[in-house]
Amino acid sequence: MAKVTNAFDTYTATADREDLSNIIYNISPMQTPFMSSIGTRNVKNVVFDWQTESLPTPSGAGQLEGFELSRAASTATTRASNVCQISYRDATVTGSQEASDAAGKKSEMAHQLAIMAKALKRDMEEALCQKGAKTTGDATTARVTGGFESWITSNDSRGTGGASTGSGAAPTDGTQRALTEDLLKDVLELMFTNGAEPNLAICGPVNKQKISGFTGRSQARQFVDANTVEASVAIYSSDFGELKIVPSNRSRERSLLLVDPEFAKVSYLRNFETIDIATIGDAETKMIVAEYGLEVSNEAAHGIVADLTTS
C-alpha cells in the first residue's frame, strides 16, 4: 500500500524527543554462593591465626578392678594461619556528567559505585573459593590469601598426578576425569569417617548438569505436571546427609567443593570501605576497598572432588 501523499513522517522530523528507558539491564553473573554461605569475623593483623584439635583415638577397652591410672600425654592444638589480601575497584566521573540528567540514575557516581561494589564481591568470591596460594608478600609483591582449595587434604579425590599439601599451598592439578556419583560418594564416606558433616556442594555449570544426571534418580527427567518437567537436582541425599547443590561461575569448573559453612569464615581486616581519591581537574574518583582473608577453621570439615572434566 502506498504512502499518503505529503504525509510528514518520522524520517523527516527533527524535533521528536528521544525515548530512553529508565531501566538499565545487566545480566552479568553476580552470585557469590561460597562467600554468602560462610561466616565472617574481624581480625587485627594482615596475618591471622586460628587453632584446631582432634579427640584421642576411641578405645572400647575395659579396665581391671582397682586399676592404676596410666597418665595420658596431653596434645597441643595445631595452629594455622592465613593472610589478608587487598582487593579494590574504582570509578571516576567528570563534573559535567555528574551534573547531567542521566536516564535511570539519580547520580552517575552512585550508580558506578554500586556496580563496582558488585564487581568487588565477585573478585573476592573468586579469590576465596579457588586455589590461590597463600603469599605473605613484600614491598613489591602483593599479599594473596590462601583459597579454599589450597587447604583441603583430609577429604579429597584427585586425578592421576593431583596432590595437595594444604596449609595454603596451591594444589597440583592432576589428570582430569568425568564426575561420577561414585567419586562423590567415596569422598562423602571419607568425610563421614573423619567427622565432617558438609551440607553444601559448589560446582561449575557443566558439572552441575552432570550431578542432575546421576543415576540415583529413577530417571533423568521427572514429570511434575503436564506443563513442567523437572530435570535438575537441587538436593543430593546421601547415606551421610543432604547436600544442597549450588552452581557457581566463580569457583573452578574442574572442582566440586564440599563445604560445611560452620567451619569457614571471611576474616576482615578492613570491611568494604569507600575512599575519596584526591580530585585532579574536573573529575571525581572514588575507590571501594576491602582487606580480607579466608579462615578454614578445620580443613577436615570440608572436601573436594578435584580434576574434573569441564565439558
Foldseek 3Di string as FASTA:
>chain_A
DDDDPPDDDPVPDDPDDDDDALDDDDDPDLDQVLQVLAAAAADAAQKDKAWDDDDPDDDPDDADVVDDDDDDDDDDIDMAMWGWFKDKDKDKFFLVQQPDDDRNDPGPRVVVVVVRVSVRSLVVSLLAAEAQAADPDDPPGTGGTGHLQQAADQQEAAAVPWHHPHSRGGTDHHAAAADAVVLVQSSVVSLVVVPAQFAEKEAAPVVQLVVCCHVVDVHQWDDPDPVDIDRGDQWDQDPRGIHGYHYDPNYDNQKIKGDDSHQKYKYWNAAWDKDWDDDDPRMTMIMTMTITHMGRNDSSNIYMYGRHDRD
